[in-house]
């Protein structure tokens, strides 16, 4: 295992934690769910490219799906 998946996991987990806190404080469901998914999905994805693609999609989702 290389260091790249670990670093990407830490990056997306940190972004997810920020989204989670924002969603919880603002009572916004989309950032809250995206934050939870960003913190959890790296445990299940081992391919680095797939890890980055899913992370970028989940990071961009609150921008496109505002509620």
PDB file of N, CA and C in Angstrom:
ATOM      1  N   UNK A   1       0.842  -1.175   0.000  1.00  0.00           N
ATOM      2  CA  UNK A   1       0.000   0.000   0.000  1.00  0.00           C
ATOM      3  C   UNK A   1       0.890   1.242   0.000  1.00  0.00           C
ATOM      4  N   UNK A   2       0.543   2.173  -0.835  1.00  0.00           N
ATOM      5  CA  UNK A   2       1.311   3.409  -0.905  1.00  0.00           C
ATOM      6  C   UNK A   2       0.695   4.468   0.024  1.00  0.00           C
ATOM      7  N   UNK A   3       1.352   5.581   0.103  1.00  0.00           N
ATOM      8  CA  UNK A   3       0.883   6.652   0.983  1.00  0.00           C
ATOM      9  C   UNK A   3      -0.236   7.468   0.356  1.00  0.00           C
ATOM     10  N   UNK A   4      -0.410   7.396  -0.956  1.00  0.00           N
ATOM     11  CA  UNK A   4      -1.411   8.220  -1.637  1.00  0.00           C
ATOM     12  C   UNK A   4      -2.839   7.971  -1.134  1.00  0.00           C
ATOM     13  N   UNK A   5      -3.301   6.714  -1.048  1.00  0.00           N
ATOM     14  CA  UNK A   5      -4.681   6.527  -0.547  1.00  0.00           C
ATOM     15  C   UNK A   5      -4.866   7.032   0.882  1.00  0.00           C
ATOM     16  N   UNK A   6      -3.839   6.890   1.692  1.00  0.00           N
ATOM     17  CA  UNK A   6      -3.932   7.374   3.064  1.00  0.00           C
ATOM     18  C   UNK A   6      -4.065   8.897   3.108  1.00  0.00           C
ATOM     19  N   UNK A   7      -3.277   9.590   2.329  1.00  0.00           N
ATOM     20  CA  UNK A   7      -3.344  11.046   2.293  1.00  0.00           C
ATOM     21  C   UNK A   7      -4.675  11.535   1.721  1.00  0.00           C
ATOM     22  N   UNK A   8      -5.154  10.891   0.667  1.00  0.00           N
ATOM     23  CA  UNK A   8      -6.453  11.267   0.104  1.00  0.00           C
ATOM     24  C   UNK A   8      -7.568  11.019   1.117  1.00  0.00           C
ATOM     25  N   UNK A   9      -7.466   9.915   1.854  1.00  0.00           N
ATOM     26  CA  UNK A   9      -8.480   9.611   2.865  1.00  0.00           C
ATOM     27  C   UNK A   9      -8.503  10.668   3.963  1.00  0.00           C
ATOM     28  N   UNK A  10      -7.341  11.107   4.388  1.00  0.00           N
ATOM     29  CA  UNK A  10      -7.270  12.147   5.419  1.00  0.00           C
ATOM     30  C   UNK A  10      -7.842  13.459   4.886  1.00  0.00           C
ATOM     31  N   UNK A  11      -7.507  13.792   3.649  1.00  0.00           N
ATOM     32  CA  UNK A  11      -8.020  15.034   3.054  1.00  0.00           C
ATOM     33  C   UNK A  11      -9.537  15.017   2.953  1.00  0.00           C
ATOM     34  N   UNK A  12     -10.089  13.968   2.383  1.00  0.00           N
ATOM     35  CA  UNK A  12     -11.541  13.906   2.204  1.00  0.00           C
ATOM     36  C   UNK A  12     -12.263  13.721   3.539  1.00  0.00           C
ATOM     37  N   UNK A  13     -11.638  13.047   4.488  1.00  0.00           N
ATOM     38  CA  UNK A  13     -12.222  12.932   5.821  1.00  0.00           C
ATOM     39  C   UNK A  13     -12.297  14.274   6.519  1.00  0.00           C
ATOM     40  N   UNK A  14     -11.267  15.104   6.344  1.00  0.00           N
ATOM     41  CA  UNK A  14     -11.268  16.444   6.936  1.00  0.00           C
ATOM     42  C   UNK A  14     -12.338  17.330   6.310  1.00  0.00           C
ATOM     43  N   UNK A  15     -12.445  17.268   5.003  1.00  0.00           N
ATOM     44  CA  UNK A  15     -13.492  18.029   4.308  1.00  0.00           C
ATOM     45  C   UNK A  15     -14.868  17.540   4.766  1.00  0.00           C
ATOM     46  N   UNK A  16     -15.006  16.228   4.898  1.00  0.00           N
ATOM     47  CA  UNK A  16     -16.264  15.656   5.353  1.00  0.00           C
ATOM     48  C   UNK A  16     -16.632  16.092   6.755  1.00  0.00           C
ATOM     49  N   UNK A  17     -15.639  16.184   7.632  1.00  0.00           N
ATOM     50  CA  UNK A  17     -15.905  16.642   8.992  1.00  0.00           C
ATOM     51  C   UNK A  17     -16.391  18.086   8.988  1.00  0.00           C
ATOM     52  N   UNK A  18     -15.790  18.907   8.131  1.00  0.00           N
ATOM     53  CA  UNK A  18     -16.243  20.296   8.004  1.00  0.00           C
ATOM     54  C   UNK A  18     -17.662  20.381   7.483  1.00  0.00           C
ATOM     55  N   UNK A  19     -17.970  19.590   6.465  1.00  0.00           N
ATOM     56  CA  UNK A  19     -19.341  19.557   5.939  1.00  0.00           C
ATOM     57  C   UNK A  19     -20.315  19.071   7.003  1.00  0.00           C
ATOM     58  N   UNK A  20     -19.915  18.060   7.744  1.00  0.00           N
ATOM     59  CA  UNK A  20     -20.787  17.512   8.778  1.00  0.00           C
ATOM     60  C   UNK A  20     -21.107  18.561   9.837  1.00  0.00           C
ATOM     61  N   UNK A  21     -20.095  19.263  10.313  1.00  0.00           N
ATOM     62  CA  UNK A  21     -20.332  20.307  11.313  1.00  0.00           C
ATOM     63  C   UNK A  21     -21.203  21.431  10.770  1.00  0.00           C
ATOM     64  N   UNK A  22     -20.934  21.840   9.545  1.00  0.00           N
ATOM     65  CA  UNK A  22     -21.743  22.890   8.920  1.00  0.00           C
ATOM     66  C   UNK A  22     -23.198  22.441   8.785  1.00  0.00           C
ATOM     67  N   UNK A  23     -23.401  21.229   8.282  1.00  0.00           N
ATOM     68  CA  UNK A  23     -24.756  20.718   8.099  1.00  0.00           C
ATOM     69  C   UNK A  23     -25.506  20.566   9.408  1.00  0.00           C
ATOM     70  N   UNK A  24     -24.790  20.171  10.452  1.00  0.00           N
ATOM     71  CA  UNK A  24     -25.430  20.007  11.748  1.00  0.00           C
ATOM     72  C   UNK A  24     -25.829  21.355  12.343  1.00  0.00           C
ATOM     73  N   UNK A  25     -24.963  22.332  12.253  1.00  0.00           N
ATOM     74  CA  UNK A  25     -25.253  23.652  12.829  1.00  0.00           C
ATOM     75  C   UNK A  25     -26.311  24.406  12.043  1.00  0.00           C
ATOM     76  N   UNK A  26     -26.328  24.234  10.732  1.00  0.00           N
ATOM     77  CA  UNK A  26     -27.290  24.947   9.899  1.00  0.00           C
ATOM     78  C   UNK A  26     -28.565  24.145   9.644  1.00  0.00           C
ATOM     79  N   UNK A  27     -28.629  22.936  10.143  1.00  0.00           N
ATOM     80  CA  UNK A  27     -29.755  22.026   9.909  1.00  0.00           C
ATOM     81  C   UNK A  27     -29.981  21.812   8.420  1.00  0.00           C
ATOM     82  N   UNK A  28     -28.881  21.648   7.680  1.00  0.00           N
ATOM     83  CA  UNK A  28     -28.930  21.398   6.238  1.00  0.00           C
ATOM     84  C   UNK A  28     -28.593  19.931   6.000  1.00  0.00           C
ATOM     85  N   UNK A  29     -29.509  19.212   5.384  1.00  0.00           N
ATOM     86  CA  UNK A  29     -29.373  17.761   5.242  1.00  0.00           C
ATOM     87  C   UNK A  29     -28.311  17.363   4.213  1.00  0.00           C
ATOM     88  N   UNK A  30     -28.188  18.104   3.113  1.00  0.00           N
ATOM     89  CA  UNK A  30     -27.247  17.716   2.056  1.00  0.00           C
ATOM     90  C   UNK A  30     -25.797  17.796   2.533  1.00  0.00           C
ATOM     91  N   UNK A  31     -25.336  18.891   3.122  1.00  0.00           N
ATOM     92  CA  UNK A  31     -23.955  18.898   3.619  1.00  0.00           C
ATOM     93  C   UNK A  31     -23.724  17.888   4.746  1.00  0.00           C
ATOM     94  N   UNK A  32     -24.748  17.663   5.570  1.00  0.00           N
ATOM     95  CA  UNK A  32     -24.626  16.700   6.650  1.00  0.00           C
ATOM     96  C   UNK A  32     -24.394  15.296   6.103  1.00  0.00           C
ATOM     97  N   UNK A  33     -25.199  14.887   5.132  1.00  0.00           N
ATOM     98  CA  UNK A  33     -25.049  13.549   4.548  1.00  0.00           C
ATOM     99  C   UNK A  33     -23.758  13.417   3.747  1.00  0.00           C
ATOM    100  N   UNK A  34     -23.417  14.445   2.991  1.00  0.00           N
ATOM    101  CA  UNK A  34     -22.158  14.400   2.238  1.00  0.00           C
ATOM    102  C   UNK A  34     -20.963  14.325   3.178  1.00  0.00           C
ATOM    103  N   UNK A  35     -21.042  15.025   4.286  1.00  0.00           N
ATOM    104  CA  UNK A  35     -19.976  14.966   5.274  1.00  0.00           C
ATOM    105  C   UNK A  35     -19.822  13.580   5.868  1.00  0.00           C
ATOM    106  N   UNK A  36     -20.934  12.959   6.211  1.00  0.00           N
ATOM    107  CA  UNK A  36     -20.886  11.595   6.731  1.00  0.00           C
ATOM    108  C   UNK A  36     -20.303  10.632   5.710  1.00  0.00           C
ATOM    109  N   UNK A  37     -20.753  10.751   4.472  1.00  0.00           N
ATOM    110  CA  UNK A  37     -20.238   9.864   3.427  1.00  0.00           C
ATOM    111  C   UNK A  37     -18.755  10.089   3.161  1.00  0.00           C
ATOM    112  N   UNK A  38     -18.319  11.346   3.180  1.00  0.00           N
ATOM    113  CA  UNK A  38     -16.904  11.636   2.967  1.00  0.00           C
ATOM    114  C   UNK A  38     -16.029  11.071   4.082  1.00  0.00           C
ATOM    115  N   UNK A  39     -16.556  11.005   5.281  1.00  0.00           N
ATOM    116  CA  UNK A  39     -15.770  10.456   6.384  1.00  0.00           C
ATOM    117  C   UNK A  39     -15.747   8.931   6.382  1.00  0.00           C
ATOM    118  N   UNK A  40     -16.773   8.281   5.816  1.00  0.00           N
ATOM    119  CA  UNK A  40     -16.897   6.834   5.908  1.00  0.00           C
ATOM    120  C   UNK A  40     -16.411   6.095   4.659  1.00  0.00           C
ATOM    121  N   UNK A  41     -16.639   6.644   3.475  1.00  0.00           N
ATOM    122  CA  UNK A  41     -16.370   5.873   2.268  1.00  0.00           C
ATOM    123  C   UNK A  41     -14.907   5.476   2.071  1.00  0.00           C
ATOM    124  N   UNK A  42     -13.903   6.204   2.549  1.00  0.00           N
ATOM    125  CA  UNK A  42     -12.519   5.741   2.340  1.00  0.00           C
ATOM    126  C   UNK A  42     -12.214   4.387   2.982  1.00  0.00           C
ATOM    127  N   UNK A  43     -12.996   3.968   3.969  1.00  0.00           N
ATOM    128  CA  UNK A  43     -12.785   2.657   4.572  1.00  0.00           C
ATOM    129  C   UNK A  43     -13.148   1.530   3.613  1.00  0.00           C
ATOM    130  N   UNK A  44     -13.994   1.804   2.630  1.00  0.00           N
ATOM    131  CA  UNK A  44     -14.495   0.766   1.748  1.00  0.00           C
ATOM    132  C   UNK A  44     -13.908   0.817   0.346  1.00  0.00           C
ATOM    133  N   UNK A  45     -13.208   1.879  -0.005  1.00  0.00           N
ATOM    134  CA  UNK A  45     -12.643   2.041  -1.353  1.00  0.00           C
ATOM    135  C   UNK A  45     -11.127   1.964  -1.247  1.00  0.00           C
ATOM    136  N   UNK A  46     -10.536   1.022  -1.998  1.00  0.00           N
ATOM    137  CA  UNK A  46      -9.085   0.863  -1.931  1.00  0.00           C
ATOM    138  C   UNK A  46      -8.371   1.379  -3.183  1.00  0.00           C
ATOM    139  N   UNK A  47      -9.085   1.534  -4.273  1.00  0.00           N
ATOM    140  CA  UNK A  47      -8.500   2.033  -5.512  1.00  0.00           C
ATOM    141  C   UNK A  47      -8.327   3.553  -5.406  1.00  0.00           C
ATOM    142  N   UNK A  48      -7.118   4.040  -5.661  1.00  0.00           N
ATOM    143  CA  UNK A  48      -6.820   5.457  -5.472  1.00  0.00           C
ATOM    144  C   UNK A  48      -7.617   6.344  -6.413  1.00  0.00           C
ATOM    145  N   UNK A  49      -7.714   5.956  -7.664  1.00  0.00           N
ATOM    146  CA  UNK A  49      -8.443   6.781  -8.636  1.00  0.00           C
ATOM    147  C   UNK A  49      -9.924   6.838  -8.285  1.00  0.00           C
ATOM    148  N   UNK A  50     -10.490   5.720  -7.909  1.00  0.00           N
ATOM    149  CA  UNK A  50     -11.901   5.700  -7.505  1.00  0.00           C
ATOM    150  C   UNK A  50     -12.104   6.503  -6.229  1.00  0.00           C
ATOM    151  N   UNK A  51     -11.140   6.440  -5.329  1.00  0.00           N
ATOM    152  CA  UNK A  51     -11.191   7.214  -4.090  1.00  0.00           C
ATOM    153  C   UNK A  51     -11.256   8.711  -4.386  1.00  0.00           C
ATOM    154  N   UNK A  52     -10.438   9.164  -5.315  1.00  0.00           N
ATOM    155  CA  UNK A  52     -10.409  10.585  -5.676  1.00  0.00           C
ATOM    156  C   UNK A  52     -11.688  10.986  -6.409  1.00  0.00           C
ATOM    157  N   UNK A  53     -12.145  10.159  -7.341  1.00  0.00           N
ATOM    158  CA  UNK A  53     -13.355  10.496  -8.102  1.00  0.00           C
ATOM    159  C   UNK A  53     -14.585  10.593  -7.204  1.00  0.00           C
ATOM    160  N   UNK A  54     -14.751   9.639  -6.320  1.00  0.00           N
ATOM    161  CA  UNK A  54     -15.902   9.674  -5.411  1.00  0.00           C
ATOM    162  C   UNK A  54     -15.773  10.853  -4.453  1.00  0.00           C
ATOM    163  N   UNK A  55     -14.568  11.116  -3.977  1.00  0.00           N
ATOM    164  CA  UNK A  55     -14.349  12.239  -3.065  1.00  0.00           C
ATOM    165  C   UNK A  55     -14.653  13.576  -3.703  1.00  0.00           C
ATOM    166  N   UNK A  56     -14.230  13.763  -4.933  1.00  0.00           N
ATOM    167  CA  UNK A  56     -14.506  15.017  -5.635  1.00  0.00           C
ATOM    168  C   UNK A  56     -16.009  15.162  -5.884  1.00  0.00           C
ATOM    169  N   UNK A  57     -16.663  14.063  -6.253  1.00  0.00           N
ATOM    170  CA  UNK A  57     -18.109  14.120  -6.490  1.00  0.00           C
ATOM    171  C   UNK A  57     -18.872  14.453  -5.208  1.00  0.00           C
ATOM    172  N   UNK A  58     -18.490  13.835  -4.102  1.00  0.00           N
ATOM    173  CA  UNK A  58     -19.173  14.127  -2.840  1.00  0.00           C
ATOM    174  C   UNK A  58     -18.857  15.524  -2.321  1.00  0.00           C
ATOM    175  N   UNK A  59     -17.662  16.014  -2.617  1.00  0.00           N
ATOM    176  CA  UNK A  59     -17.306  17.370  -2.202  1.00  0.00           C
ATOM    177  C   UNK A  59     -18.091  18.409  -3.003  1.00  0.00           C
ATOM    178  N   UNK A  60     -18.353  18.135  -4.267  1.00  0.00           N
ATOM    179  CA  UNK A  60     -19.068  19.078  -5.121  1.00  0.00           C
ATOM    180  C   UNK A  60     -20.594  18.956  -4.960  1.00  0.00           C
ATOM    181  N   UNK A  61     -21.083  17.873  -4.428  1.00  0.00           N
ATOM    182  CA  UNK A  61     -22.531  17.644  -4.338  1.00  0.00           C
ATOM    183  C   UNK A  61     -23.283  18.733  -3.583  1.00  0.00           C
ATOM    184  N   UNK A  62     -22.809  19.232  -2.442  1.00  0.00           N
ATOM    185  CA  UNK A  62     -23.584  20.273  -1.757  1.00  0.00           C
ATOM    186  C   UNK A  62     -23.714  21.567  -2.573  1.00  0.00           C
ATOM    187  N   UNK A  63     -22.782  21.818  -3.464  1.00  0.00           N
ATOM    188  CA  UNK A  63     -22.874  23.004  -4.310  1.00  0.00           C
ATOM    189  C   UNK A  63     -24.005  22.862  -5.320  1.00  0.00           C
ATOM    190  N   UNK A  64     -24.183  21.669  -5.873  1.00  0.00           N
ATOM    191  CA  UNK A  64     -25.185  21.460  -6.911  1.00  0.00           C
ATOM    192  C   UNK A  64     -26.555  21.100  -6.349  1.00  0.00           C
ATOM    193  N   UNK A  65     -26.609  20.483  -5.183  1.00  0.00           N
ATOM    194  CA  UNK A  65     -27.888  20.060  -4.593  1.00  0.00           C
ATOM    195  C   UNK A  65     -28.148  20.848  -3.325  1.00  0.00           C
ATOM    196  N   UNK A  66     -28.523  22.088  -3.486  1.00  0.00           N
ATOM    197  CA  UNK A  66     -28.835  22.933  -2.340  1.00  0.00           C
ATOM    198  C   UNK A  66     -30.290  22.761  -1.977  1.00  0.00           C
ATOM    199  N   UNK A  67     -30.561  22.657  -0.687  1.00  0.00           N
ATOM    200  CA  UNK A  67     -31.934  22.500  -0.222  1.00  0.00           C
ATOM    201  C   UNK A  67     -32.207  23.372   0.920  1.00  0.00           C
TER     202      UNK A  67
END
